[in-house]
Amino acid sequence: MTAISRGETPAPEGLRFVHLGFGADAVAYEPAWQEQRRVHAARFADEVPDTCLLLEHQEVYTAGRRTSEDERPLDGTPVVDVDRGGKITWHGPGQLVGYPIQKLPRPVDVVAHVRRLEDALIRVCAEFGVEGTRVEGRSGVWVLGDPVEQRPALGGLRLDFDPRTTDELFDPRLNGPEYAPSNAGQRREDRKLAAIGIRVAKGVTMHGFALNVNPDTTSFDKIVPCGIRDAGVASLSGELGREVTIAEVLPVAEKHLRDVLENADLLPRAV
């Protein structure tokens, strides 16, 4: 595996990348959150340029403000409640996490910022030969599944009897591996490659994205990822059928994040 350097990626101007830790140096969630807040305050004061923190996290579940109790782990696994948007997700080894801390014109167009992150990550996936896309009403980057009528039967039942089509409270955590989010690819369903959850305070962004490179996706099976019960999760390695590493993805992610975030025509939200 190619070594990943720690520290800042030099840049004369524009977006600055800071590597907080990867692999054996993966970062616990709380210290990374504290560093986000520190850089956020410095960016608001114009003491630093726009900055993107890049890292792998030690294993953790985090819950955004809209998370429901029935989406959390059933076994009492600890969850860190955070101040970003979105719902519950997992972070851990094999997942590239990015926290772009960027000053935007006010009133801030939050949706446009999310779309820019999606665009950059879709480009990253494409460079590795995976077709990522958006799904209406669902943030993040997705791999689309087959049309519903072409998907295999679940649990030996015809699609007409798939409980998820009739029960809004169907709980994949309780219904065996055939419904697990990590098995969405086998079911040929829509599956999320990258999750996005952000916060904007004082016109400066926080939190960001998590791109599944080569994680153990069964970690998502304890929760209802992002509150979505009728789709699942994916990784670049799983989609390609070969091992892809964080070290391979990191320079590609930096290239496309820089291109998209530096060259965007930043406009205030229309009012």
Protein backbone atom coordinates (compact mmCIF):
# COMPACT_ATOMS: atom_id res chain seq x y z
CA MET A 1 0.00 0.00 0.00
CA THR A 2 1.28 3.42 -0.88
CA ALA A 3 2.10 5.47 2.19
CA ILE A 4 -0.13 8.45 2.94
CA SER A 5 1.68 11.55 4.09
CA ARG A 6 0.37 13.45 7.06
CA GLY A 7 0.10 17.19 7.35
CA GLU A 8 -0.78 19.87 4.85
CA THR A 9 -0.71 19.55 1.09
CA PRO A 10 1.17 22.65 -0.09
CA ALA A 11 -0.83 25.04 -2.25
CA PRO A 12 0.07 28.62 -3.10
CA GLU A 13 -3.53 29.74 -2.85
CA GLY A 14 -7.08 28.45 -2.88
CA LEU A 15 -8.25 25.31 -1.12
CA ARG A 16 -5.87 23.87 1.49
CA PHE A 17 -5.91 20.13 2.31
CA VAL A 18 -4.92 18.90 5.75
CA HIS A 19 -4.43 15.18 6.42
CA LEU A 20 -5.42 14.35 10.00
CA GLY A 21 -4.67 10.62 10.01
CA PHE A 22 -5.13 7.38 8.09
CA GLY A 23 -4.72 3.67 8.73
CA ALA A 24 -2.98 3.07 12.05
CA ASP A 25 -3.30 6.81 12.68
CA ALA A 26 -7.08 6.89 12.11
CA VAL A 27 -8.67 9.66 14.16
CA ALA A 28 -11.25 9.31 16.94
CA TYR A 29 -14.38 11.33 16.22
CA GLU A 30 -14.23 13.83 19.10
CA PRO A 31 -10.70 15.15 18.39
CA ALA A 32 -11.58 15.56 14.71
CA TRP A 33 -14.76 17.42 15.64
CA GLN A 34 -12.74 19.72 17.89
CA GLU A 35 -10.30 20.38 15.06
CA GLN A 36 -13.20 21.20 12.76
CA ARG A 37 -14.44 23.78 15.22
CA ARG A 38 -10.96 25.28 15.57
CA VAL A 39 -10.45 25.60 11.82
CA HIS A 40 -14.02 26.86 11.39
CA ALA A 41 -13.35 29.73 13.83
CA ALA A 42 -10.07 30.53 12.09
CA ARG A 43 -11.74 30.53 8.67
CA PHE A 44 -14.51 32.83 9.89
CA ALA A 45 -11.82 35.23 11.14
CA ASP A 46 -9.98 34.97 7.79
CA GLU A 47 -6.91 33.60 9.56
CA VAL A 48 -6.73 30.56 7.23
CA PRO A 49 -7.92 29.87 3.67
CA ASP A 50 -10.71 27.48 2.77
CA THR A 51 -9.58 24.17 4.22
CA CYS A 52 -10.57 20.54 3.69
CA LEU A 53 -9.67 18.11 6.49
CA LEU A 54 -9.16 14.58 5.16
CA LEU A 55 -8.95 11.47 7.33
CA GLU A 56 -10.10 8.02 8.28
CA HIS A 57 -12.06 7.71 11.50
CA GLN A 58 -11.85 5.06 14.13
CA GLU A 59 -15.14 3.16 14.19
CA VAL A 60 -18.06 5.32 15.29
CA TYR A 61 -21.76 5.89 14.68
CA THR A 62 -22.81 9.53 14.40
CA ALA A 63 -26.34 10.85 14.37
CA GLY A 64 -27.42 14.08 12.72
CA ARG A 65 -30.21 16.24 14.07
CA ARG A 66 -33.02 14.42 12.22
CA THR A 67 -32.15 10.92 13.48
CA SER A 68 -35.06 8.95 14.94
CA GLU A 69 -34.73 6.55 17.86
CA ASP A 70 -35.87 3.65 15.67
CA GLU A 71 -32.86 4.15 13.37
CA ARG A 72 -30.16 3.67 16.03
CA PRO A 73 -28.39 0.39 16.94
CA LEU A 74 -30.64 -2.05 18.79
CA ASP A 75 -27.81 -3.44 20.92
CA GLY A 76 -26.96 -0.21 22.70
CA THR A 77 -23.82 0.54 20.67
CA PRO A 78 -22.84 4.13 21.54
CA VAL A 79 -23.79 6.86 19.08
CA VAL A 80 -22.29 10.36 18.97
CA ASP A 81 -24.98 13.00 18.41
CA VAL A 82 -23.63 15.79 16.22
CA ASP A 83 -24.75 19.18 14.97
CA ARG A 84 -24.85 18.41 11.25
CA GLY A 85 -27.87 17.81 9.08
CA GLY A 86 -29.00 14.38 8.00
CA LYS A 87 -29.47 11.23 10.04
CA ILE A 88 -27.40 8.36 11.42
CA THR A 89 -24.37 6.88 9.68
CA TRP A 90 -21.18 4.92 10.38
CA HIS A 91 -17.56 6.00 10.01
CA GLY A 92 -14.54 3.77 10.17
CA PRO A 93 -11.53 2.20 8.48
CA GLY A 94 -11.72 2.04 4.70
CA GLN A 95 -13.83 5.17 4.43
CA LEU A 96 -12.39 8.47 3.22
CA VAL A 97 -13.90 11.30 5.26
CA GLY A 98 -13.65 14.93 4.18
CA TYR A 99 -14.62 18.06 6.09
CA PRO A 100 -14.52 21.08 3.73
CA ILE A 101 -14.48 24.26 5.81
CA GLN A 102 -15.31 26.95 3.29
CA LYS A 103 -16.58 30.50 3.55
CA LEU A 104 -19.63 31.08 1.36
CA PRO A 105 -21.52 34.25 0.42
CA ARG A 106 -24.63 35.01 2.47
CA PRO A 107 -27.43 34.11 2.46
CA VAL A 108 -25.76 30.72 2.09
CA ASP A 109 -27.03 28.36 -0.59
CA VAL A 110 -26.71 25.10 1.34
CA VAL A 111 -28.16 22.97 -1.44
CA ALA A 112 -25.63 24.31 -3.94
CA HIS A 113 -22.78 23.39 -1.55
CA VAL A 114 -24.11 19.83 -1.21
CA ARG A 115 -24.42 19.55 -5.00
CA ARG A 116 -20.80 20.64 -5.44
CA LEU A 117 -19.61 17.92 -3.06
CA GLU A 118 -21.74 15.37 -4.90
CA ASP A 119 -20.29 16.52 -8.22
CA ALA A 120 -16.71 16.14 -7.00
CA LEU A 121 -17.35 12.66 -5.60
CA ILE A 122 -19.18 11.52 -8.73
CA ARG A 123 -16.05 12.50 -10.67
CA VAL A 124 -13.88 10.53 -8.25
CA CYS A 125 -16.02 7.41 -8.70
CA ALA A 126 -15.96 7.81 -12.48
CA GLU A 127 -12.17 7.92 -12.49
CA PHE A 128 -12.20 4.46 -10.88
CA GLY A 129 -14.78 3.14 -13.34
CA VAL A 130 -17.85 3.31 -11.10
CA GLU A 131 -20.88 5.24 -12.33
CA GLY A 132 -22.12 7.29 -9.41
CA THR A 133 -25.18 9.47 -9.63
CA ARG A 134 -27.70 11.49 -7.65
CA VAL A 135 -31.07 10.22 -6.48
CA GLU A 136 -33.96 12.67 -6.29
CA GLY A 137 -34.65 13.65 -2.68
CA ARG A 138 -31.64 11.73 -1.31
CA SER A 139 -28.29 13.45 -0.85
CA GLY A 140 -25.01 11.73 -1.51
CA VAL A 141 -23.64 9.65 -4.36
CA TRP A 142 -25.46 6.50 -5.43
CA VAL A 143 -25.10 3.45 -7.63
CA LEU A 144 -28.47 2.79 -9.22
CA GLY A 145 -29.98 -0.67 -8.98
CA ASP A 146 -32.06 -2.54 -11.50
CA PRO A 147 -35.67 -1.56 -12.14
CA VAL A 148 -37.87 -2.96 -9.39
CA GLU A 149 -39.53 -5.55 -11.62
CA GLN A 150 -36.12 -7.00 -12.60
CA ARG A 151 -34.74 -7.45 -9.08
CA PRO A 152 -34.50 -10.93 -7.53
CA ALA A 153 -37.14 -12.12 -5.08
CA LEU A 154 -36.32 -11.58 -1.40
CA GLY A 155 -36.48 -14.48 1.03
CA GLY A 156 -37.97 -16.69 -1.69
CA LEU A 157 -40.99 -14.41 -2.02
CA ARG A 158 -42.19 -12.62 -5.09
CA LEU A 159 -41.79 -8.86 -5.15
CA ASP A 160 -45.49 -8.45 -4.39
CA PHE A 161 -44.77 -9.82 -0.94
CA ASP A 162 -41.69 -7.76 -0.17
CA PRO A 163 -42.67 -6.26 3.22
CA ARG A 164 -40.85 -3.02 2.49
CA THR A 165 -43.36 -2.16 -0.23
CA THR A 166 -46.29 -2.16 2.20
CA ASP A 167 -44.86 -1.42 5.64
CA GLU A 168 -43.35 2.05 6.13
CA LEU A 169 -41.91 0.94 9.48
CA PHE A 170 -40.23 -2.21 8.12
CA ASP A 171 -37.02 -2.65 10.09
CA PRO A 172 -34.06 -4.16 8.20
CA ARG A 173 -32.17 -4.53 11.51
CA LEU A 174 -34.58 -7.27 12.57
CA ASN A 175 -35.14 -9.22 9.38
CA GLY A 176 -31.99 -11.09 8.49
CA PRO A 177 -29.13 -10.68 6.03
CA GLU A 178 -31.32 -10.73 2.93
CA TYR A 179 -32.58 -7.27 3.95
CA ALA A 180 -29.29 -5.93 5.32
CA PRO A 181 -28.06 -2.62 3.84
CA SER A 182 -24.67 -4.22 3.11
CA ASN A 183 -26.32 -6.74 0.76
CA ALA A 184 -28.09 -4.18 -1.45
CA GLY A 185 -25.71 -4.94 -4.32
CA GLN A 186 -26.68 -8.60 -4.29
CA ARG A 187 -30.33 -7.53 -4.35
CA ARG A 188 -29.45 -5.15 -7.23
CA GLU A 189 -31.01 -2.21 -5.37
CA ASP A 190 -29.92 1.42 -5.19
CA ARG A 191 -26.93 1.72 -2.88
CA LYS A 192 -25.08 4.70 -1.45
CA LEU A 193 -21.37 5.09 -2.13
CA ALA A 194 -20.90 8.41 -0.37
CA ALA A 195 -22.91 10.11 2.35
CA ILE A 196 -23.06 13.88 2.81
CA GLY A 197 -24.11 15.80 5.90
CA ILE A 198 -23.17 19.40 6.54
CA ARG A 199 -23.68 22.36 8.80
CA VAL A 200 -23.24 26.04 8.00
CA ALA A 201 -22.51 28.48 10.83
CA LYS A 202 -21.65 32.16 10.35
CA GLY A 203 -21.46 31.56 6.62
CA VAL A 204 -18.75 28.87 6.95
CA THR A 205 -19.34 25.19 6.24
CA MET A 206 -18.58 22.26 8.54
CA HIS A 207 -18.84 18.47 8.38
CA GLY A 208 -18.95 17.06 4.86
CA PHE A 209 -18.72 13.67 3.16
CA ALA A 210 -17.79 10.03 3.72
CA LEU A 211 -16.80 7.98 0.66
CA ASN A 212 -16.83 4.20 1.10
CA VAL A 213 -13.57 2.97 -0.43
CA ASN A 214 -12.99 -0.46 1.13
CA PRO A 215 -14.77 -0.56 4.51
CA ASP A 216 -16.55 -3.47 6.14
CA THR A 217 -20.04 -2.40 5.03
CA THR A 218 -21.71 -4.81 7.47
CA SER A 219 -21.10 -2.09 10.06
CA PHE A 220 -24.09 -0.30 8.49
CA ASP A 221 -26.36 -3.27 9.26
CA LYS A 222 -26.79 -2.26 12.91
CA ILE A 223 -28.54 0.97 11.93
CA VAL A 224 -30.95 2.34 9.34
CA PRO A 225 -28.31 4.25 7.36
CA CYS A 226 -29.39 7.83 6.71
CA GLY A 227 -32.91 6.72 7.69
CA ILE A 228 -33.38 4.93 4.35
CA ARG A 229 -35.05 1.51 4.57
CA ASP A 230 -35.48 0.59 0.91
CA ALA A 231 -31.87 0.91 -0.29
CA GLY A 232 -28.42 0.07 1.00
CA VAL A 233 -24.73 0.90 0.96
CA ALA A 234 -21.83 0.16 -1.37
CA SER A 235 -18.09 0.67 -1.69
CA LEU A 236 -15.73 1.26 -4.57
CA SER A 237 -14.01 -2.06 -3.85
CA GLY A 238 -17.30 -3.93 -3.74
CA GLU A 239 -18.57 -2.42 -6.98
CA LEU A 240 -15.31 -3.09 -8.82
CA GLY A 241 -14.68 -6.54 -7.40
CA ARG A 242 -11.11 -5.63 -6.49
CA GLU A 243 -9.32 -3.96 -3.61
CA VAL A 244 -9.18 -0.18 -3.83
CA THR A 245 -7.24 1.63 -1.12
CA ILE A 246 -7.53 5.00 0.56
CA ALA A 247 -4.02 5.76 -0.70
CA GLU A 248 -5.23 5.33 -4.30
CA VAL A 249 -8.33 7.44 -3.84
CA LEU A 250 -6.85 10.29 -1.81
CA PRO A 251 -5.01 12.18 -4.61
CA VAL A 252 -7.93 11.69 -6.96
CA ALA A 253 -10.35 13.09 -4.37
CA GLU A 254 -8.10 16.09 -3.75
CA LYS A 255 -7.86 16.77 -7.49
CA HIS A 256 -11.62 16.80 -8.03
CA LEU A 257 -12.47 18.60 -4.80
CA ARG A 258 -9.99 21.32 -5.71
CA ASP A 259 -11.34 21.59 -9.24
CA VAL A 260 -14.98 21.79 -8.17
CA LEU A 261 -14.70 23.90 -5.02
CA GLU A 262 -12.11 26.36 -6.29
CA ASN A 263 -13.74 26.91 -9.68
CA ALA A 264 -17.35 27.13 -8.53
CA ASP A 265 -19.19 30.37 -9.15
CA LEU A 266 -20.18 30.98 -5.54
CA LEU A 267 -23.45 32.85 -5.38
CA PRO A 268 -25.71 33.73 -2.44
CA ARG A 269 -29.01 31.93 -2.16
CA ALA A 270 -31.78 33.62 -4.11
CA VAL A 271 -34.29 35.30 -1.80
